[in-house]
């Protein structure tokens, strides 16, 4: 009986005045990966209506060439420009109700 009286409770009923400290791995585990991609997006990407992310083993130049070819083949295609050392692409299309800008 004395031993049980001297043991701390299994669950603490006191709340700490300080926030819990976590490292990056704890944060990733707590988020279950669901919010991690949003932390890596720019403000512009977060405000876009739709953002798609893909993973591939292809080289970036090969991917950009394929995207350029696909964009150029779409009806309504107007122009496309690459920027940021050819790592980003912006294309403009006209589908009859104004211009649509696509970024890759």
N, C-alpha and C. Protein backbone atom coordinates (compact mmCIF):
# COMPACT_ATOMS: atom_id res chain seq x y z
N UNK A 1 0.81 -1.19 0.00
CA UNK A 1 0.00 0.00 0.00
C UNK A 1 0.86 1.26 0.00
N UNK A 2 1.92 1.29 0.78
CA UNK A 2 2.82 2.44 0.84
C UNK A 2 3.51 2.71 -0.49
N UNK A 3 3.85 1.63 -1.19
CA UNK A 3 4.52 1.80 -2.48
C UNK A 3 3.62 2.51 -3.48
N UNK A 4 2.35 2.16 -3.50
CA UNK A 4 1.41 2.79 -4.42
C UNK A 4 1.20 4.26 -4.07
N UNK A 5 1.23 4.61 -2.85
CA UNK A 5 1.02 6.00 -2.41
C UNK A 5 2.18 6.88 -2.85
N UNK A 6 3.39 6.33 -2.95
CA UNK A 6 4.56 7.11 -3.32
C UNK A 6 4.77 7.23 -4.84
N UNK A 7 4.06 6.43 -5.61
CA UNK A 7 4.20 6.46 -7.07
C UNK A 7 3.44 7.64 -7.65
N UNK A 8 4.00 8.26 -8.72
CA UNK A 8 3.25 9.33 -9.38
C UNK A 8 2.08 8.74 -10.15
N UNK A 9 1.03 9.52 -10.38
CA UNK A 9 -0.12 8.99 -11.13
C UNK A 9 0.30 8.63 -12.56
N UNK A 10 -0.36 7.63 -13.13
CA UNK A 10 -0.03 7.17 -14.47
C UNK A 10 -0.32 8.25 -15.51
N UNK A 11 -1.37 9.02 -15.29
CA UNK A 11 -1.73 10.11 -16.20
C UNK A 11 -1.73 11.39 -15.39
N UNK A 12 -1.00 12.38 -15.89
CA UNK A 12 -0.90 13.64 -15.17
C UNK A 12 -2.18 14.44 -15.35
N UNK A 13 -2.67 15.00 -14.26
CA UNK A 13 -3.87 15.84 -14.32
C UNK A 13 -3.50 17.31 -14.41
N UNK A 14 -2.20 17.63 -14.30
CA UNK A 14 -1.76 19.02 -14.38
C UNK A 14 -1.43 19.36 -15.83
N UNK A 15 -1.69 20.60 -16.21
CA UNK A 15 -1.34 21.06 -17.55
C UNK A 15 -0.11 21.93 -17.45
N UNK A 16 0.74 21.84 -18.42
CA UNK A 16 1.97 22.61 -18.46
C UNK A 16 1.68 24.02 -18.95
N UNK A 17 2.43 24.98 -18.44
CA UNK A 17 2.29 26.36 -18.88
C UNK A 17 3.06 26.61 -20.17
N UNK A 18 3.93 25.69 -20.55
CA UNK A 18 4.76 25.88 -21.73
C UNK A 18 4.32 24.94 -22.84
N UNK A 19 4.46 25.36 -24.12
CA UNK A 19 4.10 24.46 -25.22
C UNK A 19 5.05 23.28 -25.29
N UNK A 20 4.54 22.20 -25.80
CA UNK A 20 5.34 20.99 -25.96
C UNK A 20 6.39 21.23 -27.04
N UNK A 21 7.61 20.77 -26.81
CA UNK A 21 8.67 20.89 -27.80
C UNK A 21 8.65 19.66 -28.68
N UNK A 22 8.71 19.88 -30.00
CA UNK A 22 8.75 18.77 -30.95
C UNK A 22 9.83 19.05 -31.98
N UNK A 23 10.41 17.98 -32.51
CA UNK A 23 11.37 18.16 -33.60
C UNK A 23 10.65 17.94 -34.92
N UNK A 24 11.36 18.08 -36.02
CA UNK A 24 10.76 17.99 -37.35
C UNK A 24 10.12 16.62 -37.59
N UNK A 25 10.75 15.57 -37.11
CA UNK A 25 10.21 14.23 -37.32
C UNK A 25 8.89 14.04 -36.56
N UNK A 26 8.83 14.58 -35.34
CA UNK A 26 7.58 14.51 -34.58
C UNK A 26 6.47 15.27 -35.30
N UNK A 27 6.82 16.44 -35.85
CA UNK A 27 5.83 17.25 -36.56
C UNK A 27 5.29 16.51 -37.77
N UNK A 28 6.18 15.89 -38.54
CA UNK A 28 5.75 15.13 -39.72
C UNK A 28 4.84 13.98 -39.30
N UNK A 29 5.19 13.29 -38.23
CA UNK A 29 4.35 12.18 -37.77
C UNK A 29 2.99 12.66 -37.28
N UNK A 30 2.95 13.81 -36.62
CA UNK A 30 1.68 14.34 -36.13
C UNK A 30 0.78 14.76 -37.29
N UNK A 31 1.38 15.29 -38.35
CA UNK A 31 0.60 15.75 -39.51
C UNK A 31 0.20 14.61 -40.43
N UNK A 32 0.81 13.47 -40.29
CA UNK A 32 0.58 12.31 -41.15
C UNK A 32 0.80 12.65 -42.62
N UNK A 33 1.64 13.62 -42.89
CA UNK A 33 1.96 13.98 -44.26
C UNK A 33 0.92 14.82 -44.95
N UNK A 34 -0.26 15.00 -44.35
CA UNK A 34 -1.35 15.70 -45.03
C UNK A 34 -1.08 17.19 -45.20
N UNK A 35 -0.37 17.81 -44.29
CA UNK A 35 -0.14 19.24 -44.38
C UNK A 35 1.27 19.58 -44.85
N UNK A 36 2.11 18.59 -45.00
CA UNK A 36 3.49 18.86 -45.35
C UNK A 36 3.60 19.51 -46.73
N UNK A 37 2.85 19.03 -47.72
CA UNK A 37 2.96 19.60 -49.05
C UNK A 37 2.58 21.07 -49.07
N UNK A 38 1.62 21.49 -48.26
CA UNK A 38 1.22 22.90 -48.23
C UNK A 38 2.30 23.78 -47.62
N UNK A 39 3.09 23.22 -46.72
CA UNK A 39 4.18 23.99 -46.13
C UNK A 39 5.26 24.29 -47.18
N UNK A 40 5.37 23.45 -48.20
CA UNK A 40 6.39 23.61 -49.21
C UNK A 40 5.93 24.42 -50.41
N UNK A 41 4.66 24.82 -50.45
CA UNK A 41 4.13 25.58 -51.58
C UNK A 41 4.34 27.08 -51.36
N UNK A 42 4.48 27.81 -52.47
CA UNK A 42 4.57 29.26 -52.39
C UNK A 42 3.18 29.82 -52.10
N UNK A 43 3.13 31.09 -51.73
CA UNK A 43 1.85 31.72 -51.46
C UNK A 43 0.95 31.72 -52.67
N UNK A 44 1.55 31.90 -53.85
CA UNK A 44 0.78 31.89 -55.10
C UNK A 44 0.17 30.52 -55.35
N UNK A 45 0.93 29.46 -55.07
CA UNK A 45 0.43 28.10 -55.28
C UNK A 45 -0.69 27.77 -54.29
N UNK A 46 -0.58 28.28 -53.07
CA UNK A 46 -1.63 28.03 -52.08
C UNK A 46 -2.94 28.71 -52.47
N UNK A 47 -2.83 29.85 -53.16
CA UNK A 47 -4.03 30.60 -53.55
C UNK A 47 -4.62 30.12 -54.86
N UNK A 48 -3.90 29.30 -55.61
CA UNK A 48 -4.40 28.80 -56.89
C UNK A 48 -5.57 27.86 -56.65
N UNK A 49 -6.45 27.78 -57.62
CA UNK A 49 -7.62 26.91 -57.47
C UNK A 49 -7.23 25.45 -57.40
N UNK A 50 -6.30 25.04 -58.27
CA UNK A 50 -5.87 23.64 -58.27
C UNK A 50 -4.37 23.59 -58.44
N UNK A 51 -3.72 22.77 -57.65
CA UNK A 51 -2.29 22.54 -57.77
C UNK A 51 -2.08 21.04 -57.77
N UNK A 52 -1.36 20.55 -58.75
CA UNK A 52 -1.06 19.14 -58.83
C UNK A 52 0.43 18.94 -58.65
N UNK A 53 0.82 17.93 -57.90
CA UNK A 53 2.23 17.61 -57.69
C UNK A 53 2.46 16.18 -58.12
N UNK A 54 3.56 15.97 -58.81
CA UNK A 54 3.91 14.64 -59.29
C UNK A 54 5.36 14.34 -58.95
N UNK A 55 5.67 13.08 -58.78
CA UNK A 55 7.05 12.64 -58.59
C UNK A 55 7.42 11.74 -59.76
N UNK A 56 8.63 11.91 -60.27
CA UNK A 56 9.08 11.12 -61.40
C UNK A 56 10.59 10.95 -61.36
N UNK A 57 11.07 9.97 -62.07
CA UNK A 57 12.52 9.76 -62.16
C UNK A 57 13.09 10.40 -63.43
N UNK A 58 12.24 11.03 -64.25
CA UNK A 58 12.70 11.69 -65.47
C UNK A 58 13.49 12.96 -65.14
N UNK A 59 14.35 13.35 -66.04
CA UNK A 59 15.12 14.58 -65.88
C UNK A 59 14.22 15.79 -66.09
N UNK A 60 14.45 16.88 -65.37
CA UNK A 60 13.60 18.07 -65.50
C UNK A 60 13.51 18.60 -66.94
N UNK A 61 14.61 18.59 -67.68
CA UNK A 61 14.57 19.08 -69.06
C UNK A 61 13.64 18.24 -69.93
N UNK A 62 13.64 16.93 -69.72
CA UNK A 62 12.75 16.04 -70.48
C UNK A 62 11.29 16.33 -70.17
N UNK A 63 11.00 16.59 -68.90
CA UNK A 63 9.63 16.89 -68.49
C UNK A 63 9.17 18.21 -69.11
N UNK A 64 10.04 19.24 -69.05
CA UNK A 64 9.67 20.54 -69.61
C UNK A 64 9.43 20.45 -71.12
N UNK A 65 10.23 19.68 -71.83
CA UNK A 65 10.04 19.52 -73.27
C UNK A 65 8.69 18.85 -73.57
N UNK A 66 8.36 17.83 -72.79
CA UNK A 66 7.08 17.14 -73.00
C UNK A 66 5.90 18.06 -72.72
N UNK A 67 6.00 18.87 -71.66
CA UNK A 67 4.92 19.81 -71.33
C UNK A 67 4.78 20.86 -72.43
N UNK A 68 5.91 21.38 -72.92
CA UNK A 68 5.87 22.38 -73.99
C UNK A 68 5.17 21.82 -75.23
N UNK A 69 5.50 20.60 -75.60
CA UNK A 69 4.88 19.98 -76.77
C UNK A 69 3.39 19.79 -76.58
N UNK A 70 2.99 19.35 -75.38
CA UNK A 70 1.56 19.15 -75.10
C UNK A 70 0.81 20.47 -75.13
N UNK A 71 1.38 21.51 -74.50
CA UNK A 71 0.73 22.82 -74.50
C UNK A 71 0.55 23.34 -75.93
N UNK A 72 1.59 23.22 -76.75
CA UNK A 72 1.55 23.74 -78.12
C UNK A 72 0.49 23.03 -78.96
N UNK A 73 0.13 21.80 -78.60
CA UNK A 73 -0.85 21.03 -79.35
C UNK A 73 -2.29 21.27 -78.94
N UNK A 74 -2.51 22.07 -77.91
CA UNK A 74 -3.88 22.33 -77.43
C UNK A 74 -4.51 23.45 -78.26
N UNK A 75 -5.76 23.22 -78.71
CA UNK A 75 -6.49 24.27 -79.44
C UNK A 75 -6.64 25.49 -78.55
N UNK A 76 -6.38 26.66 -79.11
CA UNK A 76 -6.47 27.89 -78.33
C UNK A 76 -5.13 28.34 -77.78
N UNK A 77 -4.08 27.57 -78.05
CA UNK A 77 -2.74 27.92 -77.56
C UNK A 77 -2.31 29.25 -78.15
N UNK A 78 -1.79 30.17 -77.33
CA UNK A 78 -1.31 31.47 -77.79
C UNK A 78 0.22 31.54 -77.69
N UNK A 79 0.75 31.37 -76.48
CA UNK A 79 2.19 31.48 -76.28
C UNK A 79 2.62 30.75 -75.02
N UNK A 80 3.92 30.54 -74.91
CA UNK A 80 4.49 29.98 -73.69
C UNK A 80 5.87 30.57 -73.48
N UNK A 81 6.24 30.73 -72.21
CA UNK A 81 7.55 31.28 -71.85
C UNK A 81 8.13 30.44 -70.72
N UNK A 82 9.43 30.25 -70.75
CA UNK A 82 10.11 29.61 -69.63
C UNK A 82 10.85 30.69 -68.85
N UNK A 83 11.01 30.48 -67.56
CA UNK A 83 11.72 31.41 -66.71
C UNK A 83 12.34 30.66 -65.55
N UNK A 84 13.09 31.39 -64.72
CA UNK A 84 13.84 30.80 -63.59
C UNK A 84 14.72 29.65 -64.08
N UNK A 85 15.64 30.00 -64.99
CA UNK A 85 16.59 29.02 -65.54
C UNK A 85 15.89 27.84 -66.19
N UNK A 86 14.82 28.11 -66.90
CA UNK A 86 14.05 27.08 -67.61
C UNK A 86 13.46 26.03 -66.67
N UNK A 87 13.26 26.37 -65.40
CA UNK A 87 12.67 25.42 -64.46
C UNK A 87 11.17 25.63 -64.31
N UNK A 88 10.65 26.74 -64.83
CA UNK A 88 9.22 27.03 -64.75
C UNK A 88 8.72 27.43 -66.13
N UNK A 89 7.45 27.16 -66.36
CA UNK A 89 6.84 27.42 -67.66
C UNK A 89 5.49 28.07 -67.46
N UNK A 90 5.22 29.09 -68.27
CA UNK A 90 3.91 29.73 -68.26
C UNK A 90 3.36 29.70 -69.68
N UNK A 91 2.14 29.25 -69.84
CA UNK A 91 1.49 29.19 -71.15
C UNK A 91 0.17 29.95 -71.09
N UNK A 92 -0.22 30.51 -72.23
CA UNK A 92 -1.46 31.27 -72.32
C UNK A 92 -2.32 30.63 -73.41
N UNK A 93 -3.60 30.45 -73.09
CA UNK A 93 -4.57 29.87 -74.02
C UNK A 93 -5.77 30.80 -74.11
N UNK A 94 -6.43 30.77 -75.26
CA UNK A 94 -7.68 31.51 -75.44
C UNK A 94 -8.75 30.51 -75.86
N UNK A 95 -9.69 30.25 -74.97
CA UNK A 95 -10.76 29.30 -75.24
C UNK A 95 -12.08 29.99 -75.57
N UNK A 96 -12.02 31.29 -75.90
CA UNK A 96 -13.21 32.02 -76.32
C UNK A 96 -13.86 32.85 -75.23
N UNK A 97 -13.50 32.64 -74.00
CA UNK A 97 -14.09 33.41 -72.89
C UNK A 97 -12.99 34.08 -72.07
N UNK A 98 -11.95 34.51 -72.71
CA UNK A 98 -10.83 35.13 -72.01
C UNK A 98 -9.63 34.19 -72.01
N UNK A 99 -8.54 34.73 -71.56
CA UNK A 99 -7.30 33.97 -71.54
C UNK A 99 -7.19 33.10 -70.29
N UNK A 100 -6.62 31.92 -70.48
CA UNK A 100 -6.33 31.01 -69.38
C UNK A 100 -4.83 30.89 -69.28
N UNK A 101 -4.29 31.12 -68.10
CA UNK A 101 -2.85 31.01 -67.87
C UNK A 101 -2.57 29.71 -67.13
N UNK A 102 -1.63 28.95 -67.65
CA UNK A 102 -1.25 27.68 -67.02
C UNK A 102 0.23 27.76 -66.66
N UNK A 103 0.56 27.28 -65.47
CA UNK A 103 1.95 27.28 -65.02
C UNK A 103 2.39 25.85 -64.75
N UNK A 104 3.64 25.59 -65.09
CA UNK A 104 4.23 24.28 -64.83
C UNK A 104 5.64 24.47 -64.35
